[in-house]
């Protein structure tokens, strides 16, 4: 029998699944590393300079509040670029992308997908 002893006191996010999901979502959104980024046609069709500004705005987003983040997971936001509103959303799937993740706090069983879209594409 293989038993692991873990001291959650050394890492508060590990003891709180919502804090762990939030940390994983923030790290993914800020770096676009650790998952898949999907852009809708309305984003892909933007002029390159506007698209770069949009991607940077998503990475730098920090305006979370109870209205856009009711569960504290930092998985949704809205940004404005060039007078247009864009949404971004992080969803958590199983590793095969066939359904929801069995445990979004565990990156070993989760694939994060960040979708960036124009608000009118929602």
N, C-alpha and C. Protein backbone atom coordinates (compact mmCIF):
# COMPACT_ATOMS: atom_id res chain seq x y z
N UNK A 1 0.84 -1.18 0.00
CA UNK A 1 0.00 0.00 0.00
C UNK A 1 0.89 1.24 0.00
N UNK A 2 0.62 2.15 -0.92
CA UNK A 2 1.39 3.37 -1.04
C UNK A 2 0.60 4.51 -0.42
N UNK A 3 1.12 5.08 0.65
CA UNK A 3 0.42 6.14 1.36
C UNK A 3 1.24 7.41 1.26
N UNK A 4 0.56 8.51 0.93
CA UNK A 4 1.24 9.80 0.90
C UNK A 4 0.70 10.66 2.02
N UNK A 5 1.60 11.35 2.68
CA UNK A 5 1.21 12.30 3.71
C UNK A 5 1.39 13.69 3.13
N UNK A 6 0.34 14.48 3.20
CA UNK A 6 0.38 15.81 2.62
C UNK A 6 0.00 16.83 3.66
N UNK A 7 0.79 17.85 3.78
CA UNK A 7 0.53 18.93 4.72
C UNK A 7 -0.08 20.09 3.95
N UNK A 8 -1.37 20.22 3.97
CA UNK A 8 -2.06 21.28 3.24
C UNK A 8 -1.73 22.66 3.79
N UNK A 9 -1.24 22.73 5.02
CA UNK A 9 -0.91 24.02 5.60
C UNK A 9 0.19 24.75 4.85
N UNK A 10 1.03 24.02 4.14
CA UNK A 10 2.10 24.67 3.41
C UNK A 10 1.62 25.28 2.10
N UNK A 11 0.45 24.88 1.62
CA UNK A 11 -0.10 25.39 0.39
C UNK A 11 -1.61 25.52 0.55
N UNK A 12 -2.08 26.71 0.95
CA UNK A 12 -3.51 26.89 1.20
C UNK A 12 -4.38 26.57 -0.01
N UNK A 13 -3.90 26.82 -1.23
CA UNK A 13 -4.70 26.54 -2.42
C UNK A 13 -4.96 25.05 -2.57
N UNK A 14 -4.03 24.22 -2.13
CA UNK A 14 -4.21 22.78 -2.24
C UNK A 14 -5.33 22.29 -1.33
N UNK A 15 -5.53 22.94 -0.20
CA UNK A 15 -6.56 22.54 0.75
C UNK A 15 -7.94 23.01 0.31
N UNK A 16 -8.00 24.00 -0.55
CA UNK A 16 -9.26 24.59 -1.00
C UNK A 16 -9.39 24.38 -2.50
N UNK A 17 -10.26 23.46 -2.94
CA UNK A 17 -10.37 23.17 -4.38
C UNK A 17 -10.70 24.40 -5.23
N UNK A 18 -11.53 25.31 -4.73
CA UNK A 18 -11.87 26.51 -5.51
C UNK A 18 -10.63 27.38 -5.68
N UNK A 19 -9.84 27.52 -4.62
CA UNK A 19 -8.60 28.30 -4.72
C UNK A 19 -7.64 27.65 -5.71
N UNK A 20 -7.59 26.33 -5.73
CA UNK A 20 -6.72 25.61 -6.67
C UNK A 20 -7.19 25.82 -8.10
N UNK A 21 -8.49 25.71 -8.35
CA UNK A 21 -9.04 25.95 -9.69
C UNK A 21 -8.74 27.39 -10.11
N UNK A 22 -8.95 28.33 -9.22
CA UNK A 22 -8.69 29.75 -9.51
C UNK A 22 -7.22 29.94 -9.90
N UNK A 23 -6.31 29.37 -9.12
CA UNK A 23 -4.87 29.50 -9.40
C UNK A 23 -4.51 28.88 -10.76
N UNK A 24 -5.08 27.71 -11.05
CA UNK A 24 -4.80 27.06 -12.33
C UNK A 24 -5.39 27.87 -13.49
N UNK A 25 -6.60 28.39 -13.32
CA UNK A 25 -7.21 29.22 -14.37
C UNK A 25 -6.41 30.49 -14.60
N UNK A 26 -5.99 31.15 -13.52
CA UNK A 26 -5.20 32.38 -13.66
C UNK A 26 -3.88 32.10 -14.37
N UNK A 27 -3.20 31.04 -13.98
CA UNK A 27 -1.91 30.72 -14.60
C UNK A 27 -2.10 30.44 -16.10
N UNK A 28 -3.13 29.69 -16.45
CA UNK A 28 -3.39 29.38 -17.85
C UNK A 28 -3.74 30.65 -18.63
N UNK A 29 -4.64 31.46 -18.09
CA UNK A 29 -5.06 32.68 -18.79
C UNK A 29 -3.89 33.64 -18.99
N UNK A 30 -3.04 33.76 -18.00
CA UNK A 30 -1.92 34.71 -18.09
C UNK A 30 -0.84 34.25 -19.06
N UNK A 31 -0.70 32.95 -19.26
CA UNK A 31 0.40 32.43 -20.07
C UNK A 31 -0.04 31.74 -21.35
N UNK A 32 -1.32 31.34 -21.42
CA UNK A 32 -1.85 30.51 -22.51
C UNK A 32 -1.11 29.18 -22.59
N UNK A 33 -0.53 28.77 -21.49
CA UNK A 33 0.19 27.51 -21.41
C UNK A 33 -0.52 26.60 -20.43
N UNK A 34 -0.66 25.32 -20.80
CA UNK A 34 -1.33 24.37 -19.92
C UNK A 34 -2.74 24.05 -20.34
N UNK A 35 -3.07 24.35 -21.59
CA UNK A 35 -4.40 24.07 -22.10
C UNK A 35 -4.47 24.45 -23.57
N UNK A 36 -5.68 24.64 -24.05
CA UNK A 36 -5.89 25.02 -25.45
C UNK A 36 -6.60 26.36 -25.50
N UNK A 37 -6.17 27.21 -26.43
CA UNK A 37 -6.81 28.50 -26.65
C UNK A 37 -7.56 28.44 -27.98
N UNK A 38 -8.83 28.79 -27.93
CA UNK A 38 -9.68 28.77 -29.12
C UNK A 38 -10.15 30.20 -29.38
N UNK A 39 -10.01 30.62 -30.64
CA UNK A 39 -10.50 31.93 -31.04
C UNK A 39 -11.63 31.74 -32.06
N UNK A 40 -12.72 32.44 -31.86
CA UNK A 40 -13.84 32.34 -32.78
C UNK A 40 -13.50 33.09 -34.07
N UNK A 41 -14.28 32.88 -35.14
CA UNK A 41 -14.01 33.58 -36.40
C UNK A 41 -13.94 35.10 -36.25
N UNK A 42 -14.78 35.67 -35.39
CA UNK A 42 -14.76 37.12 -35.20
C UNK A 42 -13.46 37.62 -34.60
N UNK A 43 -12.77 36.79 -33.87
CA UNK A 43 -11.47 37.15 -33.30
C UNK A 43 -10.37 36.92 -34.34
N UNK A 44 -10.43 35.80 -35.02
CA UNK A 44 -9.41 35.47 -36.03
C UNK A 44 -9.39 36.53 -37.14
N UNK A 45 -10.57 37.08 -37.47
CA UNK A 45 -10.67 38.05 -38.56
C UNK A 45 -10.22 39.46 -38.18
N UNK A 46 -9.92 39.71 -36.93
CA UNK A 46 -9.46 41.04 -36.51
C UNK A 46 -8.14 41.39 -37.17
N UNK A 47 -7.90 42.67 -37.41
CA UNK A 47 -6.57 43.07 -37.84
C UNK A 47 -5.54 42.61 -36.79
N UNK A 48 -4.36 42.24 -37.24
CA UNK A 48 -3.36 41.65 -36.35
C UNK A 48 -3.09 42.51 -35.11
N UNK A 49 -2.98 43.82 -35.29
CA UNK A 49 -2.70 44.69 -34.14
C UNK A 49 -3.82 44.63 -33.11
N UNK A 50 -5.08 44.61 -33.56
CA UNK A 50 -6.21 44.54 -32.63
C UNK A 50 -6.26 43.18 -31.93
N UNK A 51 -5.94 42.14 -32.68
CA UNK A 51 -5.92 40.79 -32.10
C UNK A 51 -4.86 40.69 -31.00
N UNK A 52 -3.70 41.26 -31.24
CA UNK A 52 -2.64 41.26 -30.23
C UNK A 52 -3.09 42.02 -28.99
N UNK A 53 -3.71 43.18 -29.18
CA UNK A 53 -4.21 43.96 -28.04
C UNK A 53 -5.25 43.15 -27.27
N UNK A 54 -6.13 42.45 -27.98
CA UNK A 54 -7.16 41.62 -27.33
C UNK A 54 -6.52 40.51 -26.50
N UNK A 55 -5.58 39.78 -27.09
CA UNK A 55 -4.93 38.69 -26.35
C UNK A 55 -4.21 39.20 -25.11
N UNK A 56 -3.58 40.36 -25.21
CA UNK A 56 -2.93 40.95 -24.03
C UNK A 56 -3.95 41.36 -22.99
N UNK A 57 -5.10 41.89 -23.43
CA UNK A 57 -6.15 42.28 -22.49
C UNK A 57 -6.69 41.07 -21.73
N UNK A 58 -6.84 39.95 -22.42
CA UNK A 58 -7.30 38.73 -21.75
C UNK A 58 -6.25 38.28 -20.73
N UNK A 59 -5.00 38.29 -21.12
CA UNK A 59 -3.93 37.85 -20.22
C UNK A 59 -3.84 38.73 -18.97
N UNK A 60 -4.09 40.00 -19.14
CA UNK A 60 -3.94 40.96 -18.02
C UNK A 60 -5.21 41.18 -17.22
N UNK A 61 -6.30 40.57 -17.62
CA UNK A 61 -7.58 40.79 -16.96
C UNK A 61 -7.49 40.48 -15.48
N UNK A 62 -8.02 41.39 -14.66
CA UNK A 62 -8.02 41.15 -13.20
C UNK A 62 -9.26 41.74 -12.52
N UNK A 63 -10.24 42.15 -13.29
CA UNK A 63 -11.44 42.80 -12.75
C UNK A 63 -12.52 41.80 -12.37
N UNK A 64 -12.16 40.88 -11.51
CA UNK A 64 -13.13 39.88 -11.07
C UNK A 64 -13.98 40.46 -9.94
N UNK A 65 -15.28 40.17 -10.02
CA UNK A 65 -16.21 40.62 -8.98
C UNK A 65 -17.34 39.60 -8.90
N UNK A 66 -18.24 39.74 -7.93
CA UNK A 66 -19.32 38.74 -7.78
C UNK A 66 -20.22 38.62 -9.02
N UNK A 67 -20.31 39.66 -9.84
CA UNK A 67 -21.16 39.58 -11.03
C UNK A 67 -20.55 38.70 -12.12
N UNK A 68 -19.24 38.82 -12.35
CA UNK A 68 -18.62 38.02 -13.42
C UNK A 68 -17.88 36.79 -12.91
N UNK A 69 -17.80 36.65 -11.59
CA UNK A 69 -17.06 35.53 -11.00
C UNK A 69 -17.78 35.03 -9.74
N UNK A 70 -19.05 34.61 -9.87
CA UNK A 70 -19.82 34.25 -8.68
C UNK A 70 -19.27 33.06 -7.90
N UNK A 71 -18.50 32.19 -8.56
CA UNK A 71 -17.98 31.00 -7.87
C UNK A 71 -16.51 31.13 -7.50
N UNK A 72 -15.90 32.28 -7.81
CA UNK A 72 -14.52 32.54 -7.42
C UNK A 72 -13.49 31.74 -8.19
N UNK A 73 -13.83 31.26 -9.39
CA UNK A 73 -12.91 30.41 -10.15
C UNK A 73 -12.13 31.17 -11.23
N UNK A 74 -12.41 32.46 -11.42
CA UNK A 74 -11.72 33.27 -12.43
C UNK A 74 -11.77 32.59 -13.81
N UNK A 75 -12.99 32.21 -14.21
CA UNK A 75 -13.15 31.49 -15.47
C UNK A 75 -13.89 32.27 -16.56
N UNK A 76 -14.18 33.55 -16.31
CA UNK A 76 -14.90 34.35 -17.30
C UNK A 76 -14.51 35.81 -17.15
N UNK A 77 -14.50 36.52 -18.28
CA UNK A 77 -14.28 37.96 -18.23
C UNK A 77 -14.72 38.61 -19.53
N UNK A 78 -14.87 39.91 -19.48
CA UNK A 78 -15.21 40.71 -20.65
C UNK A 78 -14.19 41.84 -20.74
N UNK A 79 -13.72 42.09 -21.96
CA UNK A 79 -12.77 43.16 -22.19
C UNK A 79 -13.24 43.96 -23.40
N UNK A 80 -12.82 45.20 -23.47
CA UNK A 80 -13.17 46.05 -24.60
C UNK A 80 -11.90 46.38 -25.37
N UNK A 81 -11.96 46.18 -26.68
CA UNK A 81 -10.84 46.50 -27.56
C UNK A 81 -11.41 47.17 -28.80
N UNK A 82 -10.89 48.34 -29.13
CA UNK A 82 -11.34 49.05 -30.33
C UNK A 82 -12.82 49.34 -30.34
N UNK A 83 -13.38 49.60 -29.16
CA UNK A 83 -14.80 49.92 -29.06
C UNK A 83 -15.72 48.70 -29.11
N UNK A 84 -15.16 47.49 -29.20
CA UNK A 84 -15.95 46.26 -29.21
C UNK A 84 -15.74 45.49 -27.92
N UNK A 85 -16.79 44.80 -27.49
CA UNK A 85 -16.70 43.96 -26.30
C UNK A 85 -16.41 42.53 -26.72
N UNK A 86 -15.49 41.92 -25.99
CA UNK A 86 -15.11 40.52 -26.21
C UNK A 86 -15.25 39.77 -24.89
N UNK A 87 -15.66 38.53 -24.99
CA UNK A 87 -15.74 37.65 -23.82
C UNK A 87 -14.63 36.61 -23.91
N UNK A 88 -14.18 36.17 -22.75
CA UNK A 88 -13.32 34.99 -22.69
C UNK A 88 -13.88 34.08 -21.60
N UNK A 89 -13.72 32.79 -21.82
CA UNK A 89 -14.27 31.80 -20.90
C UNK A 89 -13.35 30.60 -20.84
N UNK A 90 -13.06 30.13 -19.63
CA UNK A 90 -12.28 28.91 -19.45
C UNK A 90 -13.24 27.79 -19.05
N UNK A 91 -13.20 26.70 -19.80
CA UNK A 91 -13.95 25.50 -19.47
C UNK A 91 -12.97 24.39 -19.15
N UNK A 92 -13.40 23.46 -18.31
CA UNK A 92 -12.53 22.36 -17.90
C UNK A 92 -13.13 21.04 -18.38
N UNK A 93 -12.35 20.30 -19.15
CA UNK A 93 -12.77 19.04 -19.73
C UNK A 93 -11.88 17.91 -19.23
N UNK A 94 -12.35 16.68 -19.45
CA UNK A 94 -11.48 15.55 -19.18
C UNK A 94 -10.33 15.59 -20.19
N UNK A 95 -9.32 14.77 -19.98
CA UNK A 95 -8.12 14.82 -20.82
C UNK A 95 -8.42 14.50 -22.28
N UNK A 96 -9.43 13.71 -22.56
CA UNK A 96 -9.78 13.34 -23.93
C UNK A 96 -10.71 14.37 -24.58
N UNK A 97 -11.11 15.37 -23.85
CA UNK A 97 -12.04 16.40 -24.34
C UNK A 97 -13.39 15.82 -24.73
N UNK A 98 -13.83 14.81 -24.01
CA UNK A 98 -15.11 14.17 -24.29
C UNK A 98 -16.22 14.60 -23.34
N UNK A 99 -15.85 15.20 -22.22
CA UNK A 99 -16.84 15.63 -21.23
C UNK A 99 -16.17 16.51 -20.19
N UNK A 100 -16.94 16.86 -19.19
CA UNK A 100 -16.42 17.69 -18.12
C UNK A 100 -15.31 16.98 -17.35
N UNK A 101 -14.41 17.77 -16.79
CA UNK A 101 -13.34 17.20 -15.98
C UNK A 101 -13.94 16.57 -14.72
N UNK A 102 -13.42 15.42 -14.31
CA UNK A 102 -13.90 14.83 -13.06
C UNK A 102 -13.43 15.62 -11.84
N UNK A 103 -12.35 16.42 -12.01
CA UNK A 103 -11.82 17.22 -10.90
C UNK A 103 -11.02 18.39 -11.47
N UNK A 104 -11.68 19.55 -11.71
CA UNK A 104 -10.98 20.70 -12.29
C UNK A 104 -9.79 21.21 -11.47
N UNK A 105 -9.70 20.81 -10.21
CA UNK A 105 -8.56 21.22 -9.38
C UNK A 105 -7.34 20.34 -9.62
N UNK A 106 -7.50 19.28 -10.40
CA UNK A 106 -6.40 18.34 -10.66
C UNK A 106 -5.99 18.44 -12.13
N UNK A 107 -4.84 19.06 -12.41
CA UNK A 107 -4.42 19.20 -13.81
C UNK A 107 -4.08 17.87 -14.47
N UNK A 108 -3.90 16.81 -13.71
CA UNK A 108 -3.60 15.50 -14.29
C UNK A 108 -4.81 14.86 -14.96
N UNK A 109 -6.01 15.33 -14.63
CA UNK A 109 -7.22 14.77 -15.23
C UNK A 109 -8.03 15.84 -15.97
N UNK A 110 -7.42 17.01 -16.17
CA UNK A 110 -8.16 18.15 -16.72
C UNK A 110 -7.43 18.78 -17.89
N UNK A 111 -8.18 19.11 -18.93
CA UNK A 111 -7.69 19.95 -20.01
C UNK A 111 -8.49 21.26 -19.96
N UNK A 112 -7.79 22.36 -19.84
CA UNK A 112 -8.43 23.67 -19.83
C UNK A 112 -8.54 24.18 -21.26
N UNK A 113 -9.69 24.76 -21.58
CA UNK A 113 -9.91 25.36 -22.90
C UNK A 113 -10.37 26.79 -22.67
N UNK A 114 -9.60 27.73 -23.20
CA UNK A 114 -9.92 29.15 -23.11
C UNK A 114 -10.47 29.58 -24.46
N UNK A 115 -11.72 30.03 -24.48
CA UNK A 115 -12.36 30.50 -25.71
C UNK A 115 -12.45 32.02 -25.64
N UNK A 116 -12.02 32.66 -26.72
CA UNK A 116 -12.09 34.12 -26.82
C UNK A 116 -13.01 34.44 -27.99
N UNK A 117 -14.04 35.28 -27.74
CA UNK A 117 -15.04 35.57 -28.76
C UNK A 117 -15.52 37.00 -28.69
N UNK A 118 -16.04 37.49 -29.80
CA UNK A 118 -16.74 38.77 -29.77
C UNK A 118 -18.04 38.56 -29.01
N UNK A 119 -18.49 39.56 -28.30
CA UNK A 119 -19.72 39.43 -27.50
C UNK A 119 -20.90 39.05 -28.38
N UNK A 120 -20.96 39.54 -29.61
CA UNK A 120 -22.09 39.20 -30.47
C UNK A 120 -22.02 37.80 -31.05
N UNK A 121 -20.94 37.08 -30.78
CA UNK A 121 -20.84 35.67 -31.19
C UNK A 121 -21.31 34.72 -30.10
N UNK A 122 -21.62 35.28 -28.92
CA UNK A 122 -22.02 34.44 -27.80
C UNK A 122 -23.37 33.82 -28.02
